[in-house]
Amino acid sequence: MSTELQLPRAARIFISFVALLRANGFAVAPEQTTAFLAAIELLGPRDLRDIRQSALATLAPPPERRATFDRLFDLHFRGGEAIEHADDGEDDETVRLQEEGRGDEEPLLSDEANESGLTATRTEALVERRFAQLSTSDPLRRLAREAPRRLPRRRGHRRMRARRGPFADLRRTLRDSVRSDGEILRLGHLKRRQRPRKILLLIDVSGSMKSRTEENMKLAHVLVQAAPNAEVFTFGTRLTRVTRALRLKRREQALSAAAHLVSDWDGGTRIGDALQAFLAVPRFGGYARGAAVVIVSDGLERGELDALRDAVAKLSWRAWRLSWLTPLATGPGFRPQTEALVAIERFVDDLVDGGSSASIVAHVLALGRRAA
């Protein structure tokens, strides 16, 4: 006869929610789990609001992680319903690219969609994407392991003690002089602290980049986990900020949340309009100021070249360094052939291979060797 304790079926969904919180870095004690179940039993919850209030009162998530807690709650108890409902209102995380004088164009029908991903179109095709649960590749492990010490850094405004430095530490110098009867034997020095530099990753999710979309999103999740000040956007026919979704610790949960946020997977390609929309939102444009900006796109533009050229020029002026990674760059002697890449070549600092996770990781890690 088995002595294993069997949980009531009604309680399993609540226990699994606690397990999900622990998997994403929340500290939940066994006593809190018991209190959570007792609170639900006491309230006799009529809807999800009662369950949410019980969870907040008993599981006590830290205030700084409340947003992550709420997203995990919605993913667990409501699936994609809450995220889809938020997207219906065109929230401030998503910018739809508008065109003047193009009102006669209709979205692609299912038999007109770019199934192969080998060509670029300008038409919007709204689809939902599911990511396969694959193991982490060696380049992504390398990025997770080396990013904290190899990503680019900048000099901050605060100062710290140093053996050598451009600033005199008068406070320490005077304090040490007390021990030698007021005689200054050694001058203390200060230098500016090194702080992580902002990283902005812009990922092309249009149909022509279909074969690379999944790997690029997995790389973005690893980067966001390794660099707290990283920002990630996707673009095709819409511009979508997915940073908040990628903050979730578990990759499957993070990519699922991102999949619900982005609605223009494998659709049209309007890079110039997307970058113009990014710069037009002050909050978004501020992410690029002084940042290492990395754009992963094949550059097969179907919009206006003037809009692309102008947007890349403005982005280059704001960024610390602007890198364009394209699968078309297959070697060190690559010269752009497409009109879009030729138009923006003089504004980018790097135009290199972006056709594999290994090449993207190698370039991102090499940015740390650039001058601060």
Protein backbone atom coordinates (compact mmCIF):
# COMPACT_ATOMS: atom_id res chain seq x y z
CA MET A 1 0.00 0.00 0.00
CA SER A 2 1.49 3.33 -1.03
CA THR A 3 2.05 5.89 1.71
CA GLU A 4 2.71 8.80 -0.71
CA LEU A 5 0.60 11.84 0.09
CA GLN A 6 -1.84 12.67 -2.69
CA LEU A 7 -2.78 16.34 -3.07
CA PRO A 8 -6.42 17.17 -3.74
CA ARG A 9 -6.94 17.92 -7.42
CA ALA A 10 -8.30 21.39 -6.64
CA ALA A 11 -5.13 22.31 -4.73
CA ARG A 12 -2.65 21.25 -7.43
CA ILE A 13 -3.00 24.42 -9.49
CA PHE A 14 -2.13 26.55 -6.46
CA ILE A 15 0.84 24.38 -5.48
CA SER A 16 2.16 24.52 -9.05
CA PHE A 17 1.91 28.32 -8.97
CA VAL A 18 4.18 28.39 -5.91
CA ALA A 19 6.61 26.10 -7.76
CA LEU A 20 6.56 28.51 -10.71
CA LEU A 21 7.41 31.42 -8.41
CA ARG A 22 10.35 29.51 -6.93
CA ALA A 23 11.61 28.61 -10.41
CA ASN A 24 11.68 32.34 -11.22
CA GLY A 25 13.70 33.32 -8.18
CA PHE A 26 10.98 34.10 -5.60
CA ALA A 27 11.67 32.92 -2.05
CA VAL A 28 8.55 31.14 -0.81
CA ALA A 29 8.70 29.19 2.46
CA PRO A 30 6.57 26.07 3.06
CA GLU A 31 4.66 27.98 5.74
CA GLN A 32 3.70 30.61 3.17
CA THR A 33 2.37 27.92 0.86
CA THR A 34 0.23 26.55 3.66
CA ALA A 35 -1.02 30.04 4.49
CA PHE A 36 -1.83 30.62 0.79
CA LEU A 37 -4.00 27.50 0.65
CA ALA A 38 -5.67 28.40 3.95
CA ALA A 39 -6.47 31.92 2.71
CA ILE A 40 -8.06 30.55 -0.44
CA GLU A 41 -10.13 28.10 1.61
CA LEU A 42 -11.18 30.87 3.99
CA LEU A 43 -12.22 33.31 1.28
CA GLY A 44 -13.97 30.76 -0.88
CA PRO A 45 -12.79 32.79 -3.90
CA ARG A 46 -15.39 33.71 -6.47
CA ASP A 47 -12.95 35.04 -9.08
CA LEU A 48 -9.24 35.51 -9.79
CA ARG A 49 -9.09 38.79 -7.87
CA ASP A 50 -9.62 36.89 -4.60
CA ILE A 51 -6.87 34.43 -5.50
CA ARG A 52 -4.51 37.27 -6.45
CA GLN A 53 -5.15 39.08 -3.15
CA SER A 54 -4.60 35.86 -1.21
CA ALA A 55 -1.31 35.30 -3.03
CA LEU A 56 -0.11 38.86 -2.41
CA ALA A 57 -1.00 38.70 1.29
CA THR A 58 0.58 35.32 2.02
CA LEU A 59 3.40 34.88 -0.51
CA ALA A 60 4.58 38.50 -0.05
CA PRO A 61 6.48 39.23 -3.29
CA PRO A 62 9.08 42.01 -3.02
CA PRO A 63 7.73 45.40 -4.21
CA GLU A 64 10.44 45.70 -6.87
CA ARG A 65 9.33 42.37 -8.39
CA ARG A 66 5.59 42.98 -8.27
CA ALA A 67 5.34 43.33 -12.05
CA THR A 68 7.05 39.96 -12.56
CA PHE A 69 4.76 38.39 -9.94
CA ASP A 70 1.65 39.71 -11.69
CA ARG A 71 2.84 38.47 -15.07
CA LEU A 72 3.55 34.99 -13.70
CA PHE A 73 0.12 34.97 -12.04
CA ASP A 74 -1.59 35.86 -15.31
CA LEU A 75 0.41 33.31 -17.30
CA HIS A 76 -0.38 30.56 -14.80
CA PHE A 77 -4.05 31.19 -14.07
CA ARG A 78 -5.20 32.93 -17.25
CA GLY A 79 -2.80 31.73 -19.93
CA GLY A 80 -2.46 34.28 -22.72
CA GLU A 81 -5.88 35.85 -22.06
CA ALA A 82 -4.60 38.79 -20.04
CA ILE A 83 -1.75 39.60 -22.42
CA GLU A 84 -3.95 39.34 -25.49
CA HIS A 85 -6.51 41.62 -23.86
CA ALA A 86 -3.80 44.21 -23.15
CA ASP A 87 -2.59 44.06 -26.74
CA ASP A 88 -6.09 44.76 -28.09
CA GLY A 89 -5.78 48.33 -26.81
CA GLU A 90 -2.51 49.02 -28.65
CA ASP A 91 -0.67 49.77 -25.39
CA ASP A 92 2.43 51.91 -25.13
CA GLU A 93 4.72 48.90 -25.49
CA THR A 94 3.61 48.38 -29.10
CA VAL A 95 3.71 50.93 -31.91
CA ARG A 96 1.89 50.09 -35.12
CA LEU A 97 3.58 51.54 -38.17
CA GLN A 98 1.20 53.75 -40.12
CA GLU A 99 1.45 54.69 -43.78
CA GLU A 100 -0.05 57.64 -45.56
CA GLY A 101 -1.61 57.07 -48.93
CA ARG A 102 -1.54 53.27 -48.57
CA GLY A 103 -5.07 52.65 -47.38
CA ASP A 104 -5.84 50.41 -50.35
CA GLU A 105 -3.52 47.65 -49.09
CA GLU A 106 -5.05 44.73 -47.23
CA PRO A 107 -3.34 42.30 -44.86
CA LEU A 108 -2.08 39.10 -46.45
CA LEU A 109 -4.53 36.24 -46.71
CA SER A 110 -3.38 32.86 -45.48
CA ASP A 111 -2.49 31.63 -48.98
CA GLU A 112 -0.53 34.82 -49.71
CA ALA A 113 1.57 34.76 -46.56
CA ASN A 114 5.33 34.43 -46.77
CA GLU A 115 5.55 30.81 -45.64
CA SER A 116 9.13 30.18 -46.74
CA GLY A 117 10.67 33.25 -45.17
CA LEU A 118 12.96 33.69 -48.19
CA THR A 119 11.51 36.96 -49.46
CA ALA A 120 10.64 40.31 -47.93
CA THR A 121 7.27 42.04 -48.18
CA ARG A 122 5.92 45.34 -46.86
CA THR A 123 2.41 44.10 -46.03
CA GLU A 124 1.32 43.49 -42.45
CA ALA A 125 0.44 39.90 -41.56
CA LEU A 126 -0.62 39.36 -37.96
CA VAL A 127 0.10 35.85 -36.71
CA GLU A 128 0.75 34.07 -33.43
CA ARG A 129 4.01 32.20 -32.95
CA ARG A 130 4.92 29.30 -30.67
CA PHE A 131 8.53 28.61 -29.75
CA ALA A 132 9.85 25.07 -29.55
CA GLN A 133 11.41 24.01 -26.25
CA LEU A 134 14.97 23.34 -27.36
CA SER A 135 18.12 22.97 -25.29
CA THR A 136 20.45 25.91 -24.80
CA SER A 137 23.24 26.02 -27.41
CA ASP A 138 26.92 26.48 -26.61
CA PRO A 139 27.03 30.14 -27.84
CA LEU A 140 24.16 31.05 -25.50
CA ARG A 141 25.91 29.36 -22.57
CA ARG A 142 29.01 31.35 -23.42
CA LEU A 143 27.00 34.58 -23.46
CA ALA A 144 25.42 33.83 -20.08
CA ARG A 145 28.81 32.94 -18.59
CA GLU A 146 30.95 35.77 -19.98
CA ALA A 147 28.51 38.67 -20.38
CA PRO A 148 28.79 40.10 -16.84
CA ARG A 149 32.53 40.74 -17.22
CA ARG A 150 32.85 41.31 -20.96
CA LEU A 151 29.93 43.53 -21.90
CA PRO A 152 30.86 47.19 -22.54
CA ARG A 153 31.15 49.55 -19.59
CA ARG A 154 31.30 53.31 -19.17
CA ARG A 155 32.80 55.70 -16.64
CA GLY A 156 30.23 56.79 -14.07
CA HIS A 157 30.04 60.10 -12.22
CA ARG A 158 30.81 58.67 -8.79
CA ARG A 159 34.40 58.20 -7.71
CA MET A 160 36.19 55.44 -5.84
CA ARG A 161 39.58 54.99 -4.16
CA ALA A 162 42.46 53.95 -6.38
CA ARG A 163 46.23 53.57 -6.30
CA ARG A 164 46.42 55.90 -9.27
CA GLY A 165 43.87 58.27 -10.65
CA PRO A 166 43.30 61.77 -12.03
CA PHE A 167 41.61 63.09 -8.87
CA ALA A 168 43.08 63.77 -5.43
CA ASP A 169 41.38 62.13 -2.44
CA LEU A 170 41.72 65.04 -0.02
CA ARG A 171 39.56 63.50 2.68
CA ARG A 172 41.65 60.34 2.94
CA THR A 173 44.88 62.31 2.58
CA LEU A 174 44.02 64.63 5.50
CA ARG A 175 42.77 61.75 7.62
CA ASP A 176 46.03 59.84 7.09
CA SER A 177 48.09 62.94 7.86
CA VAL A 178 46.71 62.94 11.42
CA ARG A 179 48.67 59.76 12.10
CA SER A 180 51.92 61.49 11.08
CA ASP A 181 51.43 64.70 13.08
CA GLY A 182 49.94 66.60 10.13
CA GLU A 183 52.63 65.69 7.65
CA ILE A 184 51.37 64.44 4.29
CA LEU A 185 53.40 61.39 3.35
CA ARG A 186 51.26 60.08 0.52
CA LEU A 187 48.57 61.66 -1.65
CA GLY A 188 45.41 59.61 -2.03
CA HIS A 189 43.81 59.20 -5.45
CA LEU A 190 40.33 58.74 -6.84
CA LYS A 191 39.03 57.45 -10.14
CA ARG A 192 35.61 57.25 -11.69
CA ARG A 193 33.64 54.07 -11.17
CA GLN A 194 32.95 51.78 -14.10
CA ARG A 195 29.27 51.13 -14.75
CA PRO A 196 27.60 48.77 -17.24
CA ARG A 197 26.74 50.48 -20.48
CA LYS A 198 23.16 50.28 -21.76
CA ILE A 199 22.55 47.71 -24.49
CA LEU A 200 19.73 48.08 -27.00
CA LEU A 201 18.87 45.05 -29.14
CA LEU A 202 16.51 45.51 -32.11
CA ILE A 203 15.40 42.22 -33.72
CA ASP A 204 13.85 41.90 -37.17
CA VAL A 205 10.97 39.37 -36.95
CA SER A 206 9.72 39.78 -40.52
CA GLY A 207 9.19 36.92 -42.94
CA SER A 208 12.64 37.20 -44.52
CA MET A 209 14.21 36.57 -41.08
CA LYS A 210 11.86 33.70 -40.25
CA SER A 211 14.57 31.05 -40.02
CA ARG A 212 16.52 33.06 -37.41
CA THR A 213 13.69 34.46 -35.29
CA GLU A 214 13.56 31.71 -32.66
CA GLU A 215 17.33 31.64 -32.07
CA ASN A 216 17.48 35.44 -31.92
CA MET A 217 14.73 35.55 -29.30
CA LYS A 218 16.48 32.93 -27.18
CA LEU A 219 19.67 34.99 -27.42
CA ALA A 220 17.75 38.10 -26.38
CA HIS A 221 16.44 36.30 -23.29
CA VAL A 222 19.95 35.27 -22.25
CA LEU A 223 21.20 38.83 -22.79
CA VAL A 224 18.41 40.38 -20.70
CA GLN A 225 19.09 37.91 -17.89
CA ALA A 226 22.83 38.69 -17.95
CA ALA A 227 22.56 42.48 -18.39
CA PRO A 228 19.99 44.23 -16.16
CA ASN A 229 20.12 47.40 -18.27
CA ALA A 230 19.48 45.68 -21.62
CA GLU A 231 16.43 46.61 -23.70
CA VAL A 232 14.95 44.48 -26.48
CA PHE A 233 12.52 45.47 -29.24
CA THR A 234 11.12 43.51 -32.18
CA PHE A 235 10.07 45.08 -35.45
CA GLY A 236 8.45 44.05 -38.70
CA THR A 237 5.32 46.01 -39.43
CA ARG A 238 5.02 46.96 -35.74
CA LEU A 239 7.49 47.99 -33.08
CA THR A 240 7.14 46.05 -29.82
CA ARG A 241 9.09 46.29 -26.57
CA VAL A 242 9.56 42.78 -25.17
CA THR A 243 12.01 43.54 -22.36
CA ARG A 244 9.44 43.06 -19.62
CA ALA A 245 8.48 39.61 -20.89
CA LEU A 246 12.13 38.54 -21.24
CA ARG A 247 12.80 39.48 -17.59
CA LEU A 248 11.07 36.23 -16.59
CA LYS A 249 13.76 33.82 -15.47
CA ARG A 250 12.49 30.66 -17.14
CA ARG A 251 13.05 30.78 -20.88
CA GLU A 252 9.85 28.93 -21.78
CA GLN A 253 7.74 31.35 -19.75
CA ALA A 254 9.59 34.38 -21.11
CA LEU A 255 9.29 33.38 -24.77
CA SER A 256 5.64 32.48 -24.29
CA ALA A 257 4.97 35.95 -22.88
CA ALA A 258 6.89 37.56 -25.75
CA ALA A 259 4.97 35.47 -28.28
CA HIS A 260 1.70 36.95 -27.00
CA LEU A 261 3.04 40.50 -27.07
CA VAL A 262 4.35 40.44 -30.64
CA SER A 263 1.67 40.14 -33.32
CA ASP A 264 3.67 40.72 -36.52
CA TRP A 265 5.78 37.56 -36.59
CA ASP A 266 6.90 36.53 -40.11
CA GLY A 267 5.11 39.47 -41.71
CA GLY A 268 6.21 42.45 -43.76
CA THR A 269 9.49 44.38 -43.62
CA ARG A 270 9.46 48.14 -42.97
CA ILE A 271 12.71 48.81 -41.15
CA GLY A 272 12.84 52.54 -41.73
CA ASP A 273 9.30 53.10 -40.47
CA ALA A 274 10.02 50.94 -37.40
CA LEU A 275 13.17 52.89 -36.49
CA GLN A 276 11.38 56.20 -37.08
CA ALA A 277 8.61 55.04 -34.73
CA PHE A 278 11.22 54.05 -32.15
CA LEU A 279 12.83 57.50 -32.24
CA ALA A 280 9.45 59.26 -32.17
CA VAL A 281 8.63 57.88 -28.70
CA PRO A 282 10.78 59.84 -26.18
CA ARG A 283 10.88 56.97 -23.69
CA PHE A 284 12.07 54.55 -26.36
CA GLY A 285 14.54 56.97 -27.90
CA GLY A 286 16.13 57.52 -24.50
CA TYR A 287 17.15 53.87 -24.38
CA ALA A 288 19.52 54.48 -27.30
CA ARG A 289 21.34 57.47 -25.79
CA GLY A 290 24.90 56.39 -24.97
CA ALA A 291 24.00 52.73 -25.54
CA ALA A 292 25.57 49.94 -27.53
CA VAL A 293 22.87 49.51 -30.18
CA VAL A 294 22.72 46.17 -32.01
CA ILE A 295 20.30 45.70 -34.93
CA VAL A 296 19.81 42.12 -36.15
CA SER A 297 18.26 42.31 -39.62
CA ASP A 298 18.96 41.24 -43.19
CA GLY A 299 18.26 44.78 -44.37
CA LEU A 300 15.78 43.71 -47.05
CA GLU A 301 13.78 46.90 -46.81
CA ARG A 302 10.44 47.29 -48.59
CA GLY A 303 9.74 50.80 -47.32
CA GLU A 304 11.22 54.15 -48.27
CA LEU A 305 15.03 54.26 -48.30
CA ASP A 306 15.04 57.92 -47.24
CA ALA A 307 13.16 57.03 -44.04
CA LEU A 308 15.63 54.23 -43.29
CA ARG A 309 18.68 56.41 -43.99
CA ASP A 310 17.36 59.25 -41.82
CA ALA A 311 16.45 56.95 -38.92
CA VAL A 312 19.80 55.14 -38.91
CA ALA A 313 21.65 58.47 -39.01
CA LYS A 314 19.73 59.78 -35.99
CA LEU A 315 20.23 56.50 -34.14
CA SER A 316 23.95 56.63 -34.85
CA TRP A 317 24.21 60.13 -33.34
CA ARG A 318 22.52 59.00 -30.12
CA ALA A 319 24.28 55.65 -29.69
CA TRP A 320 27.73 55.00 -28.28
CA ARG A 321 28.21 52.39 -30.99
CA LEU A 322 25.81 51.17 -33.68
CA SER A 323 26.20 47.63 -35.02
CA TRP A 324 24.16 46.10 -37.84
CA LEU A 325 24.28 42.30 -37.92
CA THR A 326 22.98 40.73 -41.11
CA PRO A 327 22.93 37.10 -42.30
CA LEU A 328 24.06 38.41 -45.70
CA ALA A 329 27.53 39.27 -44.33
CA THR A 330 29.17 35.88 -44.86
CA GLY A 331 32.81 36.87 -44.59
CA PRO A 332 35.28 39.53 -43.39
CA GLY A 333 35.43 41.10 -46.85
CA PHE A 334 31.68 41.57 -47.11
CA ARG A 335 30.49 44.52 -49.16
CA PRO A 336 26.76 45.39 -49.06
CA GLN A 337 24.84 44.81 -52.28
CA THR A 338 21.26 45.63 -51.31
CA GLU A 339 20.08 49.23 -51.62
CA ALA A 340 19.18 49.46 -47.93
CA LEU A 341 22.55 48.27 -46.64
CA VAL A 342 24.41 50.51 -49.08
CA ALA A 343 22.34 53.48 -47.88
CA ILE A 344 23.10 52.96 -44.17
CA GLU A 345 26.68 51.65 -44.39
CA ARG A 346 28.31 55.01 -43.64
CA PHE A 347 26.23 55.51 -40.48
CA VAL A 348 26.99 52.21 -38.75
CA ASP A 349 30.17 51.37 -36.88
CA ASP A 350 29.96 47.65 -37.63
CA LEU A 351 28.33 45.79 -40.52
CA VAL A 352 29.07 42.15 -39.74
CA ASP A 353 27.72 38.62 -39.83
CA GLY A 354 24.47 37.98 -37.96
CA GLY A 355 23.58 34.63 -39.50
CA SER A 356 24.26 32.49 -36.43
CA SER A 357 24.07 32.71 -32.66
CA ALA A 358 27.83 32.15 -32.45
CA SER A 359 28.63 35.18 -34.61
CA ILE A 360 26.16 37.42 -32.77
CA VAL A 361 27.48 36.36 -29.35
CA ALA A 362 31.08 36.87 -30.45
CA HIS A 363 30.32 40.40 -31.64
CA VAL A 364 28.33 41.40 -28.54
CA LEU A 365 31.11 40.18 -26.24
CA ALA A 366 33.74 41.93 -28.35
CA LEU A 367 32.02 45.28 -27.79
CA GLY A 368 33.58 45.37 -24.33
CA ARG A 369 37.02 45.79 -25.89
CA ARG A 370 36.02 49.08 -27.49
CA ALA A 371 37.09 52.33 -25.84
CA ALA A 372 34.69 53.46 -23.08
